[in-house]
Amino acid sequence: MKRNISLLTLLCLVLGIFSGLFVKPLVSGLSFVGTIYINLLKFMIAPVVFSSITSTIYRSANRKDDTLSKAVFTYMVMFAATYLLTSLVVIILDPAKGFSFPAAEWNGSVQALSIQEVIINLFPSNLISIFADTKLFAIILFAYMLGLCAAKVEKGEKLIELIEVVRDVFFKILEYIMYLTPLAVFSLIGNTVANYGLVIIGVGLKYIATAYLCGILTVFVVMILPVSIICKISPLTYLKKVYKVWLVSLTTCSSAATLPTTMKVCEEEFGVSKQIVDIVSPLGCTIHMCGGAVSFALLGLFCSRMYGVEIGFVNYILMLVYALLINMSAPGIPNGGVVIGASYLSLLGVPLDFIGFYSGLYKILDMLYTTLNVTGNISANVILDHLKKQI
């Protein structure tokens, strides 16, 4: 079903472009579909993020092996390095230069918070209000606290089981919402092309090209180089062993579907111990690091530039922290990254107008992001196994 939705989405992307150029009354009449789709995504952001993070933190906290904490640290370092590298490329190339989406009822700036305001916002005074107002940072913090504290009480498992049931229900609702993606893409792309003409196609191609350039650089700088330096494995040897995983990740666009191949390559090709593989690989499959870093950095900076927003140092650090915190809550459904992308822009205070167009591109981007995730997973396995054997 996921494959069918992706193919249908690509087809609707092409039809939307054609209709926007030649059948403008049709796409204008269907503009409400895109609006409904964006509203539904906004509606699902808070419950999906909260339930996913709470469950993930609880399950992680209950694992006692120190390999887990080392793996989390490794993934965080890889995420930060990828985010910084992508940011540098985006700043240099500036793929959004010369183009802007209209943004109704927007004040023209991201959430310019001071350090004091950030700290104050960590402690909301009303639990209900953070969900009612979709204060995502407060929701994320509450989810982290709840997951950690549930692991410290005797019957915390029962609460988490309830939250996981709620999470699964929300994921199912979100899955049904995703069925609207092809029609929403047709509506949103059609209206965008009708307003801007073929220039929007150039913008999309620049976005995709920038993403793949960042991805290639990430593979060599963040994944291959550390393995080469720490584990003394040559880049050519690494590529010869890891390409088998790429064949699966590029076709499935799913870290979960690629997990058996990832674990097999780690054990059989790189000689990673089963103890390391059994802990590190599922964790990497869950928290999706390097692909998410490219996705968040490019989307956040691209949209900020598109709306003419200047990003100060404090806001940039917040962008990195936000991305790191919500990265683990990506739902395993078709186009789930679109939902998380919308969550990220909401945190930044940037309009979601670009998300409809982004949905149309996401299948092509998801191939890259998934491949980066599983490749980073393999590198983390190899490095951690090497370091453990040195002790």
Protein backbone atom coordinates (compact mmCIF):
# COMPACT_ATOMS: atom_id res chain seq x y z
CA MET A 1 0.00 0.00 0.00
CA LYS A 2 2.85 2.37 0.85
CA ARG A 3 4.37 1.80 -2.59
CA ASN A 4 1.01 2.41 -4.29
CA ILE A 5 0.54 5.71 -2.44
CA SER A 6 4.04 6.84 -3.36
CA LEU A 7 3.56 6.04 -7.04
CA LEU A 8 0.13 7.67 -7.07
CA THR A 9 1.60 10.74 -5.36
CA LEU A 10 4.26 11.06 -8.07
CA LEU A 11 1.59 10.68 -10.74
CA CYS A 12 -0.53 13.38 -9.10
CA LEU A 13 2.54 15.59 -8.89
CA VAL A 14 2.91 15.41 -12.68
CA LEU A 15 -0.83 15.86 -13.27
CA GLY A 16 -0.88 18.80 -10.85
CA ILE A 17 1.91 20.52 -12.77
CA PHE A 18 0.10 19.95 -16.06
CA SER A 19 -3.25 21.14 -14.66
CA GLY A 20 -1.67 24.20 -13.07
CA LEU A 21 -0.33 25.22 -16.46
CA PHE A 22 -3.31 24.41 -18.67
CA VAL A 23 -6.45 23.80 -16.53
CA LYS A 24 -6.29 26.50 -13.86
CA PRO A 25 -10.07 26.53 -13.08
CA LEU A 26 -9.87 22.83 -12.12
CA VAL A 27 -7.06 23.25 -9.60
CA SER A 28 -8.66 26.41 -8.22
CA GLY A 29 -11.86 24.47 -7.53
CA LEU A 30 -9.91 21.80 -5.65
CA SER A 31 -7.80 24.20 -3.59
CA PHE A 32 -9.83 23.38 -0.47
CA VAL A 33 -8.45 19.81 -0.50
CA GLY A 34 -4.92 21.06 0.10
CA THR A 35 -6.16 23.30 2.92
CA ILE A 36 -7.92 20.38 4.61
CA TYR A 37 -4.80 18.23 4.27
CA ILE A 38 -2.57 20.84 5.94
CA ASN A 39 -5.14 21.34 8.73
CA LEU A 40 -5.28 17.60 9.39
CA LEU A 41 -1.49 17.44 9.61
CA LYS A 42 -1.49 20.29 12.10
CA PHE A 43 -4.20 18.51 14.10
CA MET A 44 -2.11 15.31 14.40
CA ILE A 45 1.26 16.87 15.25
CA ALA A 46 0.91 17.12 19.05
CA PRO A 47 -0.54 13.64 19.82
CA VAL A 48 1.84 11.84 17.47
CA VAL A 49 4.95 13.56 18.82
CA PHE A 50 3.90 13.15 22.47
CA SER A 51 2.96 9.47 22.35
CA SER A 52 5.96 8.45 20.20
CA ILE A 53 8.57 10.19 22.34
CA THR A 54 7.08 8.99 25.64
CA SER A 55 7.17 5.37 24.51
CA THR A 56 10.66 5.60 23.02
CA ILE A 57 12.17 7.23 26.12
CA TYR A 58 10.55 4.68 28.44
CA ARG A 59 11.79 1.69 26.43
CA SER A 60 15.28 3.18 26.21
CA ALA A 61 15.44 3.97 29.92
CA ASN A 62 14.62 0.36 30.80
CA ARG A 63 17.66 -1.01 28.99
CA LYS A 64 20.56 -1.29 31.43
CA ASP A 65 23.47 -2.06 29.05
CA ASP A 66 25.89 0.86 28.78
CA THR A 67 26.12 0.13 25.06
CA LEU A 68 22.75 1.82 24.73
CA SER A 69 23.95 5.12 26.19
CA LYS A 70 27.08 5.00 24.05
CA ALA A 71 24.96 4.35 20.98
CA VAL A 72 22.64 7.26 21.77
CA PHE A 73 25.66 9.55 22.22
CA THR A 74 27.16 8.34 18.95
CA TYR A 75 23.93 8.97 17.06
CA MET A 76 23.63 12.43 18.59
CA VAL A 77 27.17 13.34 17.49
CA MET A 78 26.50 12.03 13.98
CA PHE A 79 23.23 13.97 13.88
CA ALA A 80 24.86 17.24 14.96
CA ALA A 81 27.73 16.82 12.49
CA THR A 82 25.30 16.11 9.63
CA TYR A 83 23.09 19.04 10.59
CA LEU A 84 26.05 21.43 10.64
CA LEU A 85 27.41 20.10 7.34
CA THR A 86 24.00 20.42 5.65
CA SER A 87 23.56 23.92 7.04
CA LEU A 88 26.91 24.97 5.57
CA VAL A 89 25.96 23.63 2.13
CA VAL A 90 22.52 25.29 2.23
CA ILE A 91 23.99 28.63 3.29
CA ILE A 92 26.56 28.50 0.48
CA LEU A 93 24.20 27.35 -2.28
CA ASP A 94 21.06 29.17 -1.03
CA PRO A 95 18.62 27.04 -3.11
CA ALA A 96 15.63 29.22 -2.10
CA LYS A 97 17.19 32.41 -3.45
CA GLY A 98 14.80 34.47 -5.57
CA PHE A 99 11.63 32.59 -4.65
CA SER A 100 8.98 32.95 -1.94
CA PHE A 101 5.64 31.41 -1.06
CA PRO A 102 2.81 33.68 0.05
CA ALA A 103 2.09 33.43 3.78
CA ALA A 104 -1.20 34.68 5.05
CA GLU A 105 -1.43 36.03 8.59
CA TRP A 106 2.28 35.74 9.28
CA ASN A 107 4.44 38.28 11.06
CA GLY A 108 7.59 37.57 9.06
CA SER A 109 9.92 36.10 11.69
CA VAL A 110 10.73 32.85 13.44
CA GLN A 111 10.30 32.56 17.16
CA ALA A 112 13.09 34.88 18.31
CA LEU A 113 13.56 33.64 21.83
CA SER A 114 16.13 34.75 24.35
CA ILE A 115 17.92 32.25 26.57
CA GLN A 116 15.75 33.33 29.52
CA GLU A 117 12.55 32.78 27.52
CA VAL A 118 13.72 29.34 26.43
CA ILE A 119 14.35 28.31 30.04
CA ILE A 120 11.00 29.73 31.20
CA ASN A 121 9.17 27.89 28.42
CA LEU A 122 10.61 24.63 29.68
CA PHE A 123 8.26 24.88 32.65
CA PRO A 124 4.66 25.44 31.46
CA SER A 125 2.09 26.31 34.09
CA ASN A 126 -0.82 24.46 32.51
CA LEU A 127 -0.70 20.94 31.08
CA ILE A 128 -3.89 21.33 29.04
CA SER A 129 -2.77 24.59 27.44
CA ILE A 130 0.41 23.13 25.94
CA PHE A 131 -1.72 20.71 23.92
CA ALA A 132 -4.48 23.23 23.20
CA ASP A 133 -1.94 25.75 21.87
CA THR A 134 0.34 23.06 20.33
CA LYS A 135 3.38 24.24 22.28
CA LEU A 136 5.57 21.53 20.86
CA PHE A 137 8.72 22.19 22.86
CA ALA A 138 6.77 21.93 26.12
CA ILE A 139 5.03 18.81 24.82
CA ILE A 140 8.36 17.23 23.94
CA LEU A 141 9.81 18.05 27.37
CA PHE A 142 6.73 16.62 29.10
CA ALA A 143 6.98 13.45 26.98
CA TYR A 144 10.65 13.02 27.95
CA MET A 145 9.86 13.53 31.65
CA LEU A 146 6.91 11.15 31.54
CA GLY A 147 8.87 8.42 29.78
CA LEU A 148 11.81 8.68 32.18
CA CYS A 149 9.67 8.84 35.34
CA ALA A 150 7.44 5.97 34.21
CA ALA A 151 10.59 3.82 34.06
CA LYS A 152 11.26 4.64 37.73
CA VAL A 153 7.90 3.59 39.22
CA GLU A 154 6.58 0.10 39.82
CA LYS A 155 3.51 0.23 37.58
CA GLY A 156 4.84 2.63 34.98
CA GLU A 157 4.59 -0.12 32.35
CA LYS A 158 0.78 0.04 32.50
CA LEU A 159 0.74 3.75 31.72
CA ILE A 160 3.15 3.28 28.82
CA GLU A 161 1.10 0.40 27.45
CA LEU A 162 -1.94 2.70 27.44
CA ILE A 163 0.03 5.48 25.74
CA GLU A 164 1.32 3.00 23.15
CA VAL A 165 -2.23 1.91 22.38
CA VAL A 166 -3.17 5.57 21.96
CA ARG A 167 -0.06 6.06 19.80
CA ASP A 168 -1.01 3.15 17.55
CA VAL A 169 -4.53 4.54 17.17
CA PHE A 170 -3.15 7.96 16.21
CA PHE A 171 -0.78 6.31 13.74
CA LYS A 172 -3.72 4.51 12.17
CA ILE A 173 -5.63 7.81 11.90
CA LEU A 174 -2.54 9.39 10.40
CA GLU A 175 -2.23 6.50 7.97
CA TYR A 176 -5.74 7.19 6.74
CA ILE A 177 -4.96 10.90 6.45
CA MET A 178 -1.96 9.99 4.31
CA TYR A 179 -4.31 8.40 1.80
CA LEU A 180 -5.29 11.97 0.96
CA THR A 181 -1.70 12.78 0.00
CA PRO A 182 -2.01 12.16 -3.77
CA LEU A 183 -5.14 14.34 -4.08
CA ALA A 184 -3.66 16.97 -1.75
CA VAL A 185 -0.45 17.06 -3.77
CA PHE A 186 -2.47 17.49 -6.97
CA SER A 187 -4.37 20.38 -5.38
CA LEU A 188 -1.39 22.09 -3.78
CA ILE A 189 1.04 21.62 -6.66
CA GLY A 190 -1.60 22.62 -9.19
CA ASN A 191 -2.37 25.87 -7.40
CA THR A 192 1.30 26.62 -6.86
CA VAL A 193 2.12 26.10 -10.55
CA ALA A 194 -0.93 28.15 -11.53
CA ASN A 195 0.39 31.03 -9.42
CA TYR A 196 4.10 30.78 -10.23
CA GLY A 197 4.41 28.89 -13.51
CA LEU A 198 7.35 26.64 -14.33
CA VAL A 199 9.67 28.48 -11.96
CA ILE A 200 8.34 26.27 -9.14
CA ILE A 201 9.70 23.18 -10.94
CA GLY A 202 13.17 24.70 -10.88
CA VAL A 203 12.81 25.32 -7.15
CA GLY A 204 11.86 21.68 -6.57
CA LEU A 205 14.80 20.40 -8.61
CA LYS A 206 17.18 22.70 -6.72
CA TYR A 207 15.79 21.42 -3.41
CA ILE A 208 16.26 17.78 -4.42
CA ALA A 209 19.74 18.39 -5.82
CA THR A 210 20.80 20.18 -2.63
CA ALA A 211 19.47 17.32 -0.49
CA TYR A 212 21.39 14.69 -2.48
CA LEU A 213 24.58 16.74 -2.44
CA CYS A 214 24.30 17.04 1.35
CA GLY A 215 23.60 13.32 1.56
CA ILE A 216 26.68 12.37 -0.46
CA LEU A 217 28.89 14.65 1.63
CA THR A 218 27.40 13.17 4.80
CA VAL A 219 28.20 9.62 3.72
CA PHE A 220 31.85 10.46 3.17
CA VAL A 221 32.45 12.97 5.98
CA VAL A 222 30.22 11.69 8.82
CA MET A 223 30.09 7.94 8.09
CA ILE A 224 33.06 6.74 6.04
CA LEU A 225 35.76 9.06 7.39
CA PRO A 226 35.26 8.19 11.12
CA VAL A 227 35.16 4.47 10.30
CA SER A 228 38.33 4.84 8.27
CA ILE A 229 40.15 6.74 11.03
CA ILE A 230 38.91 4.81 14.07
CA CYS A 231 38.51 1.29 12.65
CA LYS A 232 41.15 1.43 9.87
CA ILE A 233 38.64 0.32 7.22
CA SER A 234 39.34 1.83 3.80
CA PRO A 235 36.54 3.82 2.11
CA LEU A 236 36.50 1.44 -0.86
CA THR A 237 36.15 -1.60 1.40
CA TYR A 238 33.35 0.11 3.31
CA LEU A 239 31.44 0.92 0.11
CA LYS A 240 31.84 -2.64 -1.22
CA LYS A 241 30.29 -4.02 1.96
CA VAL A 242 27.53 -1.49 2.52
CA TYR A 243 26.03 -1.28 -0.98
CA LYS A 244 23.84 -4.34 -0.32
CA VAL A 245 21.91 -2.34 2.26
CA TRP A 246 21.49 0.57 -0.14
CA LEU A 247 19.73 -1.67 -2.66
CA VAL A 248 17.06 -2.39 -0.04
CA SER A 249 16.80 1.11 1.47
CA LEU A 250 16.46 2.84 -1.90
CA THR A 251 13.61 0.56 -2.95
CA THR A 252 11.71 0.25 0.35
CA CYS A 253 12.28 3.75 1.83
CA SER A 254 11.91 2.06 5.22
CA SER A 255 14.55 1.67 7.93
CA ALA A 256 12.40 -1.04 9.54
CA ALA A 257 12.14 -3.05 6.32
CA THR A 258 15.90 -2.68 5.84
CA LEU A 259 16.75 -3.70 9.43
CA PRO A 260 17.29 -7.44 8.76
CA THR A 261 19.70 -6.61 5.93
CA THR A 262 21.41 -3.97 8.07
CA MET A 263 21.99 -6.46 10.90
CA LYS A 264 23.19 -9.15 8.50
CA VAL A 265 25.71 -6.81 6.85
CA CYS A 266 26.99 -5.63 10.24
CA GLU A 267 27.59 -9.19 11.44
CA GLU A 268 28.71 -10.96 8.26
CA GLU A 269 30.50 -8.21 6.34
CA PHE A 270 31.97 -6.07 9.13
CA GLY A 271 32.29 -8.73 11.84
CA VAL A 272 30.32 -6.77 14.45
CA SER A 273 29.42 -8.88 17.50
CA LYS A 274 25.82 -10.00 17.83
CA GLN A 275 25.55 -8.32 21.24
CA ILE A 276 26.31 -4.92 19.70
CA VAL A 277 24.11 -5.49 16.65
CA ASP A 278 21.11 -6.57 18.73
CA ILE A 279 21.23 -3.34 20.77
CA VAL A 280 22.53 -0.70 18.37
CA SER A 281 20.73 -1.63 15.14
CA PRO A 282 17.13 -1.52 16.43
CA LEU A 283 17.92 1.73 18.25
CA GLY A 284 19.28 3.28 15.05
CA CYS A 285 16.20 2.05 13.22
CA THR A 286 14.04 3.82 15.82
CA ILE A 287 15.63 7.22 16.21
CA HIS A 288 16.59 7.83 12.56
CA MET A 289 19.51 10.20 12.83
CA CYS A 290 21.54 11.33 9.79
CA GLY A 291 18.74 11.35 7.23
CA GLY A 292 16.64 13.36 9.64
CA ALA A 293 19.49 15.82 10.14
CA VAL A 294 19.70 16.55 6.40
CA SER A 295 15.91 16.75 6.19
CA PHE A 296 15.47 19.16 9.12
CA ALA A 297 18.44 21.40 8.35
CA LEU A 298 17.51 21.78 4.68
CA LEU A 299 13.78 22.25 5.30
CA GLY A 300 14.23 24.73 8.15
CA LEU A 301 16.88 26.88 6.47
CA PHE A 302 15.22 26.68 3.05
CA CYS A 303 11.85 27.86 4.37
CA SER A 304 13.44 30.51 6.58
CA ARG A 305 15.32 31.89 3.59
CA MET A 306 12.22 31.66 1.41
CA TYR A 307 10.29 33.86 3.84
CA GLY A 308 13.19 36.28 4.24
CA VAL A 309 13.91 35.31 7.86
CA GLU A 310 17.32 35.98 9.38
CA ILE A 311 18.48 33.16 11.67
CA GLY A 312 20.49 34.35 14.68
CA PHE A 313 22.87 32.18 16.68
CA VAL A 314 20.39 31.40 19.47
CA ASN A 315 17.65 30.51 17.00
CA TYR A 316 20.02 28.29 15.03
CA ILE A 317 21.02 26.37 18.17
CA LEU A 318 17.32 26.00 19.00
CA MET A 319 16.69 24.69 15.48
CA LEU A 320 19.36 22.03 16.04
CA VAL A 321 18.00 21.10 19.48
CA TYR A 322 14.40 20.95 18.22
CA ALA A 323 15.45 18.71 15.35
CA LEU A 324 17.36 16.39 17.66
CA LEU A 325 14.44 16.08 20.08
CA ILE A 326 11.65 15.38 17.59
CA ASN A 327 13.75 13.24 15.27
CA MET A 328 12.90 10.04 17.12
CA SER A 329 9.14 10.45 16.77
CA ALA A 330 8.89 9.86 13.01
CA PRO A 331 5.85 7.61 12.46
CA GLY A 332 6.40 4.49 10.37
CA ILE A 333 3.71 5.31 7.82
CA PRO A 334 3.76 6.50 4.20
CA ASN A 335 5.08 10.09 4.07
CA GLY A 336 5.52 10.12 7.86
CA GLY A 337 8.47 12.47 7.38
CA VAL A 338 6.06 15.07 6.02
CA VAL A 339 4.25 15.13 9.36
CA ILE A 340 7.50 15.53 11.27
CA GLY A 341 8.60 18.22 8.83
CA ALA A 342 5.39 20.10 9.55
CA SER A 343 6.06 19.67 13.27
CA TYR A 344 9.51 21.16 12.84
CA LEU A 345 8.29 24.22 10.94
CA SER A 346 5.59 24.72 13.59
CA LEU A 347 8.27 24.75 16.30
CA LEU A 348 10.20 27.38 14.37
CA GLY A 349 7.10 29.50 13.87
CA VAL A 350 7.46 29.25 10.07
CA PRO A 351 4.28 28.89 7.94
CA LEU A 352 3.41 25.44 6.57
CA ASP A 353 2.63 26.66 3.04
CA PHE A 354 5.65 24.82 1.61
CA ILE A 355 4.64 21.45 3.12
CA GLY A 356 2.14 20.68 0.34
CA PHE A 357 4.83 21.07 -2.31
CA TYR A 358 7.26 19.18 -0.06
CA SER A 359 4.81 16.25 0.06
CA GLY A 360 5.09 15.90 -3.69
CA LEU A 361 8.89 15.74 -3.54
CA TYR A 362 9.10 13.51 -0.49
CA LYS A 363 9.21 10.11 -2.19
CA ILE A 364 12.41 11.11 -4.00
CA LEU A 365 13.84 12.61 -0.81
CA ASP A 366 12.79 9.64 1.33
CA MET A 367 15.00 7.32 -0.72
CA LEU A 368 17.98 9.45 0.28
CA TYR A 369 16.99 9.98 3.91
CA THR A 370 16.35 6.28 4.56
CA THR A 371 19.67 5.33 2.95
CA LEU A 372 21.49 7.84 5.15
CA ASN A 373 19.74 6.47 8.24
CA VAL A 374 20.72 2.85 7.61
CA THR A 375 24.26 3.78 6.55
CA GLY A 376 24.71 5.80 9.73
CA ASN A 377 23.34 2.83 11.64
CA ILE A 378 26.02 0.57 10.16
CA SER A 379 28.81 3.06 10.89
CA ALA A 380 27.68 3.36 14.51
CA ASN A 381 27.67 -0.46 14.86
CA VAL A 382 31.17 -0.78 13.42
CA ILE A 383 32.64 2.03 15.53
CA LEU A 384 31.06 0.92 18.81
CA ASP A 385 32.07 -2.69 18.23
CA HIS A 386 35.65 -1.64 17.49
CA LEU A 387 35.86 0.52 20.62
CA LYS A 388 34.41 -2.23 22.80
CA LYS A 389 36.97 -4.73 21.52
CA GLN A 390 39.76 -2.28 22.39
CA ILE A 391 38.78 -2.25 26.07
